[in-house]
Amino acid sequence: MADNVSMLDTETKHTEGLDAIAQEMLARLDKELVGLKPVKTRIREIASLLVIDRLRREHGLVAESPSLHMCFTGNPGTGKTTVALRMAEILHRLGYSRKGHLVTATRDDLVGQYVGHTAPKTKEVLKRAMGGVLFIDEAYYLYRPENERDYGQEAIEILLQVMENNRDDLVVILAGYKDRMERFFQGNPGMKSRITHHIDFPDYTVDELMEIAKLMLANQHYRLSPAAEQALRLYIERRMAQPNFANARSIRNALERARLRHASRLLASGKRPLTKDDLMTIEPEEILASRVMRDDNDGMLQQAS
């Protein structure tokens, strides 16, 4: 009886331990990424499945190992690479991968330019990724049916084989625009059949992008003045309507340019000594100097003041 109680206590502690690990990693994901509620919900579901699957095995409940290959779709700058990195860590912490590292690859890393070049390149990337996660960005570029001499199909066939035969030691995540990934799967049904989890990353809202901007600045010990905050909101609204907007990536680039203008303004001002507040605070002129805001800058500045 005492042995049974001891075994039950051990199992309970292990259950709590796995759940605590999963909750810790998911809390970190919540803290690091603004918005993306449907993405976080799906990652939470996958983490829950992994915890329960481990516990089932320990109780002798035989089940086939869950297939964890994934497809992340969405526009640039929506957090796909960050989520892939956290997914690699979750898999490792829960005992589903040996190393928990992320290897990022594109077509250029996998596909050769002449006969006999592709297989060694693809196998080398796969070798580096074993025990972790292979993240293939813009995966649809692997498949170019219009070019009969293209070697991408060879890379795909090697990937398919490894995804099937080594799925206990490698998770492959394909990423890219949703419509292009759908066409890619139509031309490669074998690849589609091996992908269990399809996760779509929505674009950020203006409010979410403002929150992201403040987090980015805070991490570098900067802040926006109240007027600069209004100016940045105006910038985001205008930038979102322009071509090639890349969500958080575009915001990061805008803030880097604002930091350059901030530094130039401080040095040109001749003010000495510069206070900590001077060194930390981004003002509206740093935002409004952007090409995005050049039209009617005077009116914009009045709105932001």
C-alpha atoms as a PDB file:
ATOM      1  CA  MET A   1       0.000   0.000   0.000  1.00  0.00           C
ATOM      2  CA  ALA A   2       2.809   2.387   0.936  1.00  0.00           C
ATOM      3  CA  ASP A   3       4.585   1.604  -2.355  1.00  0.00           C
ATOM      4  CA  ASN A   4       1.436   2.409  -4.313  1.00  0.00           C
ATOM      5  CA  VAL A   5       1.027   5.714  -2.478  1.00  0.00           C
ATOM      6  CA  SER A   6       4.686   6.576  -3.145  1.00  0.00           C
ATOM      7  CA  MET A   7       4.297   5.736  -6.852  1.00  0.00           C
ATOM      8  CA  LEU A   8       1.154   7.865  -7.062  1.00  0.00           C
ATOM      9  CA  ASP A   9       2.937  10.797  -5.420  1.00  0.00           C
ATOM     10  CA  THR A  10       5.838  10.471  -7.894  1.00  0.00           C
ATOM     11  CA  GLU A  11       3.480  10.384 -10.861  1.00  0.00           C
ATOM     12  CA  THR A  12       1.569  13.390  -9.534  1.00  0.00           C
ATOM     13  CA  LYS A  13       4.772  15.385  -9.071  1.00  0.00           C
ATOM     14  CA  HIS A  14       5.911  14.450 -12.573  1.00  0.00           C
ATOM     15  CA  THR A  15       2.556  15.509 -14.010  1.00  0.00           C
ATOM     16  CA  GLU A  16       2.798  18.820 -12.199  1.00  0.00           C
ATOM     17  CA  GLY A  17       6.402  19.204 -13.361  1.00  0.00           C
ATOM     18  CA  LEU A  18       5.592  18.745 -17.041  1.00  0.00           C
ATOM     19  CA  ASP A  19       2.594  21.036 -16.774  1.00  0.00           C
ATOM     20  CA  ALA A  20       4.683  23.685 -14.977  1.00  0.00           C
ATOM     21  CA  ILE A  21       7.293  23.563 -17.752  1.00  0.00           C
ATOM     22  CA  ALA A  22       4.627  23.978 -20.409  1.00  0.00           C
ATOM     23  CA  GLN A  23       2.965  26.845 -18.537  1.00  0.00           C
ATOM     24  CA  GLU A  24       6.312  28.584 -18.026  1.00  0.00           C
ATOM     25  CA  MET A  25       7.160  28.424 -21.737  1.00  0.00           C
ATOM     26  CA  LEU A  26       3.670  29.551 -22.777  1.00  0.00           C
ATOM     27  CA  ALA A  27       3.796  32.460 -20.318  1.00  0.00           C
ATOM     28  CA  ARG A  28       7.099  33.506 -21.871  1.00  0.00           C
ATOM     29  CA  LEU A  29       5.515  33.369 -25.318  1.00  0.00           C
ATOM     30  CA  ASP A  30       2.621  35.530 -24.059  1.00  0.00           C
ATOM     31  CA  LYS A  31       5.065  38.075 -22.648  1.00  0.00           C
ATOM     32  CA  GLU A  32       7.282  38.237 -25.726  1.00  0.00           C
ATOM     33  CA  LEU A  33       4.583  38.392 -28.393  1.00  0.00           C
ATOM     34  CA  VAL A  34       1.815  40.950 -28.529  1.00  0.00           C
ATOM     35  CA  GLY A  35      -1.558  39.782 -29.868  1.00  0.00           C
ATOM     36  CA  LEU A  36      -1.600  36.611 -32.005  1.00  0.00           C
ATOM     37  CA  LYS A  37      -4.334  35.068 -29.848  1.00  0.00           C
ATOM     38  CA  PRO A  38      -5.238  32.265 -32.320  1.00  0.00           C
ATOM     39  CA  VAL A  39      -1.551  31.362 -32.687  1.00  0.00           C
ATOM     40  CA  LYS A  40      -1.006  31.212 -28.930  1.00  0.00           C
ATOM     41  CA  THR A  41      -4.171  29.131 -28.514  1.00  0.00           C
ATOM     42  CA  ARG A  42      -2.903  26.579 -31.036  1.00  0.00           C
ATOM     43  CA  ILE A  43       0.565  26.423 -29.468  1.00  0.00           C
ATOM     44  CA  ARG A  44      -1.067  25.908 -26.081  1.00  0.00           C
ATOM     45  CA  GLU A  45      -3.104  23.019 -27.513  1.00  0.00           C
ATOM     46  CA  ILE A  46       0.014  21.406 -28.959  1.00  0.00           C
ATOM     47  CA  ALA A  47       1.867  21.789 -25.642  1.00  0.00           C
ATOM     48  CA  SER A  48      -1.071  20.217 -23.805  1.00  0.00           C
ATOM     49  CA  LEU A  49      -1.060  17.286 -26.226  1.00  0.00           C
ATOM     50  CA  LEU A  50       2.658  16.722 -25.598  1.00  0.00           C
ATOM     51  CA  VAL A  51       2.225  16.740 -21.813  1.00  0.00           C
ATOM     52  CA  ILE A  52      -0.660  14.280 -21.924  1.00  0.00           C
ATOM     53  CA  ASP A  53       1.107  12.075 -24.483  1.00  0.00           C
ATOM     54  CA  ARG A  54       4.141  11.745 -22.194  1.00  0.00           C
ATOM     55  CA  LEU A  55       1.943  10.829 -19.245  1.00  0.00           C
ATOM     56  CA  ARG A  56      -0.021   8.282 -21.291  1.00  0.00           C
ATOM     57  CA  ARG A  57       3.203   6.542 -22.242  1.00  0.00           C
ATOM     58  CA  GLU A  58       4.296   6.363 -18.629  1.00  0.00           C
ATOM     59  CA  HIS A  59       1.010   4.644 -17.814  1.00  0.00           C
ATOM     60  CA  GLY A  60       1.534   2.108 -20.590  1.00  0.00           C
ATOM     61  CA  LEU A  61      -1.112   3.605 -22.837  1.00  0.00           C
ATOM     62  CA  VAL A  62       0.373   2.934 -26.251  1.00  0.00           C
ATOM     63  CA  ALA A  63      -0.105   5.637 -28.851  1.00  0.00           C
ATOM     64  CA  GLU A  64       1.712   6.612 -32.004  1.00  0.00           C
ATOM     65  CA  SER A  65       4.051   9.535 -31.466  1.00  0.00           C
ATOM     66  CA  PRO A  66       2.276  12.737 -32.464  1.00  0.00           C
ATOM     67  CA  SER A  67       3.335  14.198 -35.774  1.00  0.00           C
ATOM     68  CA  LEU A  68       4.654  17.680 -35.060  1.00  0.00           C
ATOM     69  CA  HIS A  69       5.571  18.976 -38.514  1.00  0.00           C
ATOM     70  CA  MET A  70       3.942  22.386 -38.996  1.00  0.00           C
ATOM     71  CA  CYS A  71       3.140  25.101 -41.486  1.00  0.00           C
ATOM     72  CA  PHE A  72       3.165  28.760 -40.418  1.00  0.00           C
ATOM     73  CA  THR A  73       1.428  31.138 -42.821  1.00  0.00           C
ATOM     74  CA  GLY A  74       1.160  34.901 -42.697  1.00  0.00           C
ATOM     75  CA  ASN A  75       2.692  38.149 -43.805  1.00  0.00           C
ATOM     76  CA  PRO A  76       6.255  39.161 -42.885  1.00  0.00           C
ATOM     77  CA  GLY A  77       6.887  40.443 -39.383  1.00  0.00           C
ATOM     78  CA  THR A  78       4.035  38.552 -37.687  1.00  0.00           C
ATOM     79  CA  GLY A  79       6.246  36.513 -35.355  1.00  0.00           C
ATOM     80  CA  LYS A  80       6.618  33.234 -37.255  1.00  0.00           C
ATOM     81  CA  THR A  81      10.344  32.830 -36.589  1.00  0.00           C
ATOM     82  CA  THR A  82       9.975  33.788 -32.925  1.00  0.00           C
ATOM     83  CA  VAL A  83       7.191  31.247 -32.418  1.00  0.00           C
ATOM     84  CA  ALA A  84       9.297  28.583 -34.176  1.00  0.00           C
ATOM     85  CA  LEU A  85      12.153  29.319 -31.774  1.00  0.00           C
ATOM     86  CA  ARG A  86       9.874  29.028 -28.749  1.00  0.00           C
ATOM     87  CA  MET A  87       8.338  25.855 -30.181  1.00  0.00           C
ATOM     88  CA  ALA A  88      11.826  24.333 -30.378  1.00  0.00           C
ATOM     89  CA  GLU A  89      12.379  25.176 -26.716  1.00  0.00           C
ATOM     90  CA  ILE A  90       9.007  23.746 -25.667  1.00  0.00           C
ATOM     91  CA  LEU A  91       9.720  20.487 -27.475  1.00  0.00           C
ATOM     92  CA  HIS A  92      13.084  20.193 -25.757  1.00  0.00           C
ATOM     93  CA  ARG A  93      11.812  21.049 -22.276  1.00  0.00           C
ATOM     94  CA  LEU A  94       9.033  18.485 -22.607  1.00  0.00           C
ATOM     95  CA  GLY A  95      11.438  15.789 -23.761  1.00  0.00           C
ATOM     96  CA  TYR A  96      10.427  15.637 -27.429  1.00  0.00           C
ATOM     97  CA  SER A  97      13.717  16.810 -28.894  1.00  0.00           C
ATOM     98  CA  ARG A  98      17.310  16.124 -27.936  1.00  0.00           C
ATOM     99  CA  LYS A  99      18.735  19.604 -28.433  1.00  0.00           C
ATOM    100  CA  GLY A 100      15.931  22.127 -28.734  1.00  0.00           C
ATOM    101  CA  HIS A 101      17.749  24.267 -31.290  1.00  0.00           C
ATOM    102  CA  LEU A 102      16.339  25.985 -34.368  1.00  0.00           C
ATOM    103  CA  VAL A 103      17.993  25.825 -37.788  1.00  0.00           C
ATOM    104  CA  THR A 104      16.640  28.348 -40.295  1.00  0.00           C
ATOM    105  CA  ALA A 105      16.971  27.630 -44.010  1.00  0.00           C
ATOM    106  CA  THR A 106      15.833  28.971 -47.365  1.00  0.00           C
ATOM    107  CA  ARG A 107      15.941  27.577 -50.885  1.00  0.00           C
ATOM    108  CA  ASP A 108      19.550  28.735 -51.307  1.00  0.00           C
ATOM    109  CA  ASP A 109      20.617  26.592 -48.345  1.00  0.00           C
ATOM    110  CA  LEU A 110      18.977  23.453 -49.734  1.00  0.00           C
ATOM    111  CA  VAL A 111      18.998  23.561 -53.524  1.00  0.00           C
ATOM    112  CA  GLY A 112      22.144  23.278 -55.630  1.00  0.00           C
ATOM    113  CA  GLN A 113      22.912  24.827 -58.993  1.00  0.00           C
ATOM    114  CA  TYR A 114      24.113  21.763 -60.842  1.00  0.00           C
ATOM    115  CA  VAL A 115      23.634  17.988 -60.963  1.00  0.00           C
ATOM    116  CA  GLY A 116      24.775  16.290 -57.768  1.00  0.00           C
ATOM    117  CA  HIS A 117      24.888  19.511 -55.749  1.00  0.00           C
ATOM    118  CA  THR A 118      21.445  19.489 -54.113  1.00  0.00           C
ATOM    119  CA  ALA A 119      21.545  16.227 -52.156  1.00  0.00           C
ATOM    120  CA  PRO A 120      24.731  17.065 -50.184  1.00  0.00           C
ATOM    121  CA  LYS A 121      23.454  20.580 -49.406  1.00  0.00           C
ATOM    122  CA  THR A 122      20.061  19.359 -48.218  1.00  0.00           C
ATOM    123  CA  LYS A 123      21.524  16.510 -46.167  1.00  0.00           C
ATOM    124  CA  GLU A 124      24.008  18.855 -44.489  1.00  0.00           C
ATOM    125  CA  VAL A 125      21.206  21.186 -43.364  1.00  0.00           C
ATOM    126  CA  LEU A 126      19.160  18.221 -42.140  1.00  0.00           C
ATOM    127  CA  LYS A 127      22.165  16.892 -40.236  1.00  0.00           C
ATOM    128  CA  ARG A 128      22.555  20.227 -38.428  1.00  0.00           C
ATOM    129  CA  ALA A 129      18.845  20.335 -37.613  1.00  0.00           C
ATOM    130  CA  MET A 130      18.551  16.801 -36.187  1.00  0.00           C
ATOM    131  CA  GLY A 131      17.458  16.818 -32.576  1.00  0.00           C
ATOM    132  CA  GLY A 132      15.684  20.123 -33.039  1.00  0.00           C
ATOM    133  CA  VAL A 133      13.538  22.130 -35.449  1.00  0.00           C
ATOM    134  CA  LEU A 134      14.185  22.971 -39.101  1.00  0.00           C
ATOM    135  CA  PHE A 135      12.449  26.202 -40.109  1.00  0.00           C
ATOM    136  CA  ILE A 136      12.197  26.663 -43.897  1.00  0.00           C
ATOM    137  CA  ASP A 137      11.158  30.203 -44.742  1.00  0.00           C
ATOM    138  CA  GLU A 138       9.331  30.877 -48.031  1.00  0.00           C
ATOM    139  CA  ALA A 139       9.230  27.133 -48.587  1.00  0.00           C
ATOM    140  CA  TYR A 140       7.277  27.481 -51.860  1.00  0.00           C
ATOM    141  CA  TYR A 141      10.468  28.630 -53.599  1.00  0.00           C
ATOM    142  CA  LEU A 142      11.691  25.046 -53.353  1.00  0.00           C
ATOM    143  CA  TYR A 143       9.168  24.104 -56.048  1.00  0.00           C
ATOM    144  CA  ARG A 144       9.537  25.662 -59.473  1.00  0.00           C
ATOM    145  CA  PRO A 145       7.559  23.509 -61.920  1.00  0.00           C
ATOM    146  CA  GLU A 146       8.051  25.996 -64.745  1.00  0.00           C
ATOM    147  CA  ASN A 147      11.756  25.183 -64.812  1.00  0.00           C
ATOM    148  CA  GLU A 148      12.444  21.627 -65.984  1.00  0.00           C
ATOM    149  CA  ARG A 149      16.091  21.883 -64.968  1.00  0.00           C
ATOM    150  CA  ASP A 150      15.349  23.082 -61.453  1.00  0.00           C
ATOM    151  CA  TYR A 151      16.725  20.885 -58.654  1.00  0.00           C
ATOM    152  CA  GLY A 152      14.227  21.909 -55.973  1.00  0.00           C
ATOM    153  CA  GLN A 153      12.196  18.731 -56.387  1.00  0.00           C
ATOM    154  CA  GLU A 154      15.222  16.690 -55.353  1.00  0.00           C
ATOM    155  CA  ALA A 155      15.455  18.667 -52.102  1.00  0.00           C
ATOM    156  CA  ILE A 156      11.729  18.153 -51.496  1.00  0.00           C
ATOM    157  CA  GLU A 157      12.014  14.393 -51.966  1.00  0.00           C
ATOM    158  CA  ILE A 158      14.875  14.197 -49.460  1.00  0.00           C
ATOM    159  CA  LEU A 159      12.887  16.316 -47.008  1.00  0.00           C
ATOM    160  CA  LEU A 160       9.828  14.081 -47.404  1.00  0.00           C
ATOM    161  CA  GLN A 161      11.840  10.983 -46.635  1.00  0.00           C
ATOM    162  CA  VAL A 162      13.433  12.460 -43.535  1.00  0.00           C
ATOM    163  CA  MET A 163      10.150  13.955 -42.296  1.00  0.00           C
ATOM    164  CA  GLU A 164       8.636  10.479 -42.407  1.00  0.00           C
ATOM    165  CA  ASN A 165      11.542   8.349 -41.209  1.00  0.00           C
ATOM    166  CA  ASN A 166      13.035  10.721 -38.624  1.00  0.00           C
ATOM    167  CA  ARG A 167       9.988  12.438 -37.256  1.00  0.00           C
ATOM    168  CA  ASP A 168      10.933  11.388 -33.724  1.00  0.00           C
ATOM    169  CA  ASP A 169      14.153  13.377 -34.025  1.00  0.00           C
ATOM    170  CA  LEU A 170      13.243  16.312 -36.251  1.00  0.00           C
ATOM    171  CA  VAL A 171      10.357  18.747 -36.551  1.00  0.00           C
ATOM    172  CA  VAL A 172      10.064  20.642 -39.824  1.00  0.00           C
ATOM    173  CA  ILE A 173       8.224  23.964 -39.946  1.00  0.00           C
ATOM    174  CA  LEU A 174       7.432  25.412 -43.377  1.00  0.00           C
ATOM    175  CA  ALA A 175       6.615  29.111 -43.526  1.00  0.00           C
ATOM    176  CA  GLY A 176       5.434  31.699 -46.028  1.00  0.00           C
ATOM    177  CA  TYR A 177       2.493  33.609 -47.466  1.00  0.00           C
ATOM    178  CA  LYS A 178      -0.757  31.684 -47.106  1.00  0.00           C
ATOM    179  CA  ASP A 179      -1.832  31.701 -50.757  1.00  0.00           C
ATOM    180  CA  ARG A 180       1.606  30.638 -51.985  1.00  0.00           C
ATOM    181  CA  MET A 181       1.849  27.850 -49.417  1.00  0.00           C
ATOM    182  CA  GLU A 182      -1.545  26.549 -50.542  1.00  0.00           C
ATOM    183  CA  ARG A 183      -0.324  26.401 -54.149  1.00  0.00           C
ATOM    184  CA  PHE A 184       2.869  24.718 -52.976  1.00  0.00           C
ATOM    185  CA  PHE A 185       0.867  21.988 -51.224  1.00  0.00           C
ATOM    186  CA  GLN A 186      -1.333  21.515 -54.284  1.00  0.00           C
ATOM    187  CA  GLY A 187       1.781  20.726 -56.295  1.00  0.00           C
ATOM    188  CA  ASN A 188       3.279  18.611 -53.499  1.00  0.00           C
ATOM    189  CA  PRO A 189       0.529  16.489 -51.917  1.00  0.00           C
ATOM    190  CA  GLY A 190       3.146  14.308 -50.216  1.00  0.00           C
ATOM    191  CA  MET A 191       4.389  17.317 -48.301  1.00  0.00           C
ATOM    192  CA  LYS A 192       0.884  18.388 -47.336  1.00  0.00           C
ATOM    193  CA  SER A 193       0.101  14.927 -45.954  1.00  0.00           C
ATOM    194  CA  ARG A 194       3.074  15.152 -43.604  1.00  0.00           C
ATOM    195  CA  ILE A 195       2.082  18.520 -42.140  1.00  0.00           C
ATOM    196  CA  THR A 196      -0.293  18.089 -39.221  1.00  0.00           C
ATOM    197  CA  HIS A 197      -0.482  21.587 -37.786  1.00  0.00           C
ATOM    198  CA  HIS A 198      -1.371  24.558 -39.979  1.00  0.00           C
ATOM    199  CA  ILE A 199      -1.179  27.848 -38.083  1.00  0.00           C
ATOM    200  CA  ASP A 200      -2.091  31.192 -39.639  1.00  0.00           C
ATOM    201  CA  PHE A 201      -0.494  34.349 -38.224  1.00  0.00           C
ATOM    202  CA  PRO A 202      -2.801  37.390 -38.505  1.00  0.00           C
ATOM    203  CA  ASP A 203      -1.565  40.905 -39.199  1.00  0.00           C
ATOM    204  CA  TYR A 204      -1.220  43.182 -36.191  1.00  0.00           C
ATOM    205  CA  THR A 205      -3.656  46.003 -35.459  1.00  0.00           C
ATOM    206  CA  VAL A 206      -2.528  49.610 -34.957  1.00  0.00           C
ATOM    207  CA  ASP A 207      -2.901  49.240 -31.178  1.00  0.00           C
ATOM    208  CA  GLU A 208      -0.860  46.039 -31.184  1.00  0.00           C
ATOM    209  CA  LEU A 209       1.873  47.648 -33.282  1.00  0.00           C
ATOM    210  CA  MET A 210       1.990  50.585 -30.852  1.00  0.00           C
ATOM    211  CA  GLU A 211       2.431  48.136 -27.989  1.00  0.00           C
ATOM    212  CA  ILE A 212       5.156  46.317 -29.910  1.00  0.00           C
ATOM    213  CA  ALA A 213       6.940  49.615 -30.585  1.00  0.00           C
ATOM    214  CA  LYS A 214       6.896  50.551 -26.899  1.00  0.00           C
ATOM    215  CA  LEU A 215       8.277  47.134 -25.937  1.00  0.00           C
ATOM    216  CA  MET A 216      11.053  47.426 -28.517  1.00  0.00           C
ATOM    217  CA  LEU A 217      11.995  50.874 -27.229  1.00  0.00           C
ATOM    218  CA  ALA A 218      11.790  49.845 -23.575  1.00  0.00           C
ATOM    219  CA  ASN A 219      14.140  46.939 -24.224  1.00  0.00           C
ATOM    220  CA  GLN A 220      16.707  49.495 -25.417  1.00  0.00           C
ATOM    221  CA  HIS A 221      15.932  52.013 -22.646  1.00  0.00           C
ATOM    222  CA  TYR A 222      14.121  54.468 -24.893  1.00  0.00           C
ATOM    223  CA  ARG A 223      10.637  55.900 -24.595  1.00  0.00           C
ATOM    224  CA  LEU A 224       8.254  58.064 -26.603  1.00  0.00           C
ATOM    225  CA  SER A 225       7.194  61.500 -25.465  1.00  0.00           C
ATOM    226  CA  PRO A 226       3.380  61.920 -25.453  1.00  0.00           C
ATOM    227  CA  ALA A 227       3.603  63.886 -28.710  1.00  0.00           C
ATOM    228  CA  ALA A 228       5.923  61.288 -30.273  1.00  0.00           C
ATOM    229  CA  GLU A 229       3.472  58.566 -29.302  1.00  0.00           C
ATOM    230  CA  GLN A 230       0.728  60.317 -31.269  1.00  0.00           C
ATOM    231  CA  ALA A 231       3.115  60.873 -34.169  1.00  0.00           C
ATOM    232  CA  LEU A 232       4.055  57.191 -34.230  1.00  0.00           C
ATOM    233  CA  ARG A 233       0.402  56.167 -34.315  1.00  0.00           C
ATOM    234  CA  LEU A 234      -0.108  58.442 -37.324  1.00  0.00           C
ATOM    235  CA  TYR A 235       2.995  56.945 -38.938  1.00  0.00           C
ATOM    236  CA  ILE A 236       1.758  53.378 -38.400  1.00  0.00           C
ATOM    237  CA  GLU A 237      -1.672  54.134 -39.835  1.00  0.00           C
ATOM    238  CA  ARG A 238      -0.108  55.635 -42.951  1.00  0.00           C
ATOM    239  CA  ARG A 239       2.589  52.963 -43.317  1.00  0.00           C
ATOM    240  CA  MET A 240       0.068  50.121 -43.053  1.00  0.00           C
ATOM    241  CA  ALA A 241      -1.687  51.456 -46.162  1.00  0.00           C
ATOM    242  CA  GLN A 242       1.519  51.417 -48.209  1.00  0.00           C
ATOM    243  CA  PRO A 243       3.069  48.520 -50.163  1.00  0.00           C
ATOM    244  CA  ASN A 244       5.553  46.107 -48.595  1.00  0.00           C
ATOM    245  CA  PHE A 245       4.405  46.708 -45.044  1.00  0.00           C
ATOM    246  CA  ALA A 246       5.974  44.032 -42.825  1.00  0.00           C
ATOM    247  CA  ASN A 247       4.186  44.407 -39.491  1.00  0.00           C
ATOM    248  CA  ALA A 248       6.615  44.348 -36.548  1.00  0.00           C
ATOM    249  CA  ARG A 249       9.611  44.278 -38.895  1.00  0.00           C
ATOM    250  CA  SER A 250       8.573  47.604 -40.436  1.00  0.00           C
ATOM    251  CA  ILE A 251       8.075  49.084 -36.976  1.00  0.00           C
ATOM    252  CA  ARG A 252      11.531  47.948 -35.887  1.00  0.00           C
ATOM    253  CA  ASN A 253      13.076  49.578 -38.958  1.00  0.00           C
ATOM    254  CA  ALA A 254      11.162  52.810 -38.325  1.00  0.00           C
ATOM    255  CA  LEU A 255      12.360  52.933 -34.725  1.00  0.00           C
ATOM    256  CA  GLU A 256      15.966  52.337 -35.768  1.00  0.00           C
ATOM    257  CA  ARG A 257      15.741  55.341 -38.089  1.00  0.00           C
ATOM    258  CA  ALA A 258      14.110  57.358 -35.286  1.00  0.00           C
ATOM    259  CA  ARG A 259      17.058  56.523 -33.023  1.00  0.00           C
ATOM    260  CA  LEU A 260      19.456  57.812 -35.681  1.00  0.00           C
ATOM    261  CA  ARG A 261      17.550  61.094 -35.935  1.00  0.00           C
ATOM    262  CA  HIS A 262      17.352  61.324 -32.143  1.00  0.00           C
ATOM    263  CA  ALA A 263      21.130  60.989 -31.853  1.00  0.00           C
ATOM    264  CA  SER A 264      21.733  63.547 -34.594  1.00  0.00           C
ATOM    265  CA  ARG A 265      19.343  66.025 -32.979  1.00  0.00           C
ATOM    266  CA  LEU A 266      20.998  65.748 -29.585  1.00  0.00           C
ATOM    267  CA  LEU A 267      24.500  66.292 -30.942  1.00  0.00           C
ATOM    268  CA  ALA A 268      23.388  69.177 -33.177  1.00  0.00           C
ATOM    269  CA  SER A 269      21.534  70.905 -30.331  1.00  0.00           C
ATOM    270  CA  GLY A 270      24.753  71.833 -28.547  1.00  0.00           C
ATOM    271  CA  LYS A 271      23.059  71.194 -25.215  1.00  0.00           C
ATOM    272  CA  ARG A 272      25.504  70.031 -22.564  1.00  0.00           C
ATOM    273  CA  PRO A 273      25.299  68.140 -20.392  1.00  0.00           C
ATOM    274  CA  LEU A 274      22.664  65.849 -21.828  1.00  0.00           C
ATOM    275  CA  THR A 275      20.354  64.458 -19.177  1.00  0.00           C
ATOM    276  CA  LYS A 276      19.183  60.883 -18.854  1.00  0.00           C
ATOM    277  CA  ASP A 277      15.756  62.055 -19.997  1.00  0.00           C
ATOM    278  CA  ASP A 278      17.302  63.634 -23.109  1.00  0.00           C
ATOM    279  CA  LEU A 279      19.099  60.399 -23.928  1.00  0.00           C
ATOM    280  CA  MET A 280      15.987  58.264 -23.505  1.00  0.00           C
ATOM    281  CA  THR A 281      13.163  60.301 -25.026  1.00  0.00           C
ATOM    282  CA  ILE A 282      12.128  60.117 -28.673  1.00  0.00           C
ATOM    283  CA  GLU A 283      10.368  63.296 -29.796  1.00  0.00           C
ATOM    284  CA  PRO A 284       7.806  63.682 -32.637  1.00  0.00           C
ATOM    285  CA  GLU A 285      10.298  65.210 -35.074  1.00  0.00           C
ATOM    286  CA  GLU A 286      12.181  61.881 -35.073  1.00  0.00           C
ATOM    287  CA  ILE A 287       9.032  60.187 -36.367  1.00  0.00           C
ATOM    288  CA  LEU A 288       7.719  62.903 -38.647  1.00  0.00           C
ATOM    289  CA  ALA A 289      11.014  63.187 -40.547  1.00  0.00           C
ATOM    290  CA  SER A 290      10.242  59.855 -42.189  1.00  0.00           C
ATOM    291  CA  ARG A 291       9.530  59.794 -45.931  1.00  0.00           C
ATOM    292  CA  VAL A 292       6.203  58.186 -45.064  1.00  0.00           C
ATOM    293  CA  MET A 293       5.229  61.393 -43.257  1.00  0.00           C
ATOM    294  CA  ARG A 294       6.727  64.042 -45.541  1.00  0.00           C
ATOM    295  CA  ASP A 295       3.418  65.103 -47.021  1.00  0.00           C
ATOM    296  CA  ASP A 296       1.743  67.628 -44.758  1.00  0.00           C
ATOM    297  CA  ASN A 297       4.339  67.244 -42.016  1.00  0.00           C
ATOM    298  CA  ASP A 298       3.373  70.588 -40.516  1.00  0.00           C
ATOM    299  CA  GLY A 299      -0.209  69.469 -40.102  1.00  0.00           C
ATOM    300  CA  MET A 300       0.930  66.146 -38.684  1.00  0.00           C
ATOM    301  CA  LEU A 301       3.161  67.887 -36.164  1.00  0.00           C
ATOM    302  CA  GLN A 302       0.246  70.047 -34.994  1.00  0.00           C
ATOM    303  CA  GLN A 303      -1.890  66.921 -34.529  1.00  0.00           C
ATOM    304  CA  ALA A 304       0.905  65.238 -32.566  1.00  0.00           C
ATOM    305  CA  SER A 305       1.527  68.287 -30.355  1.00  0.00           C
END
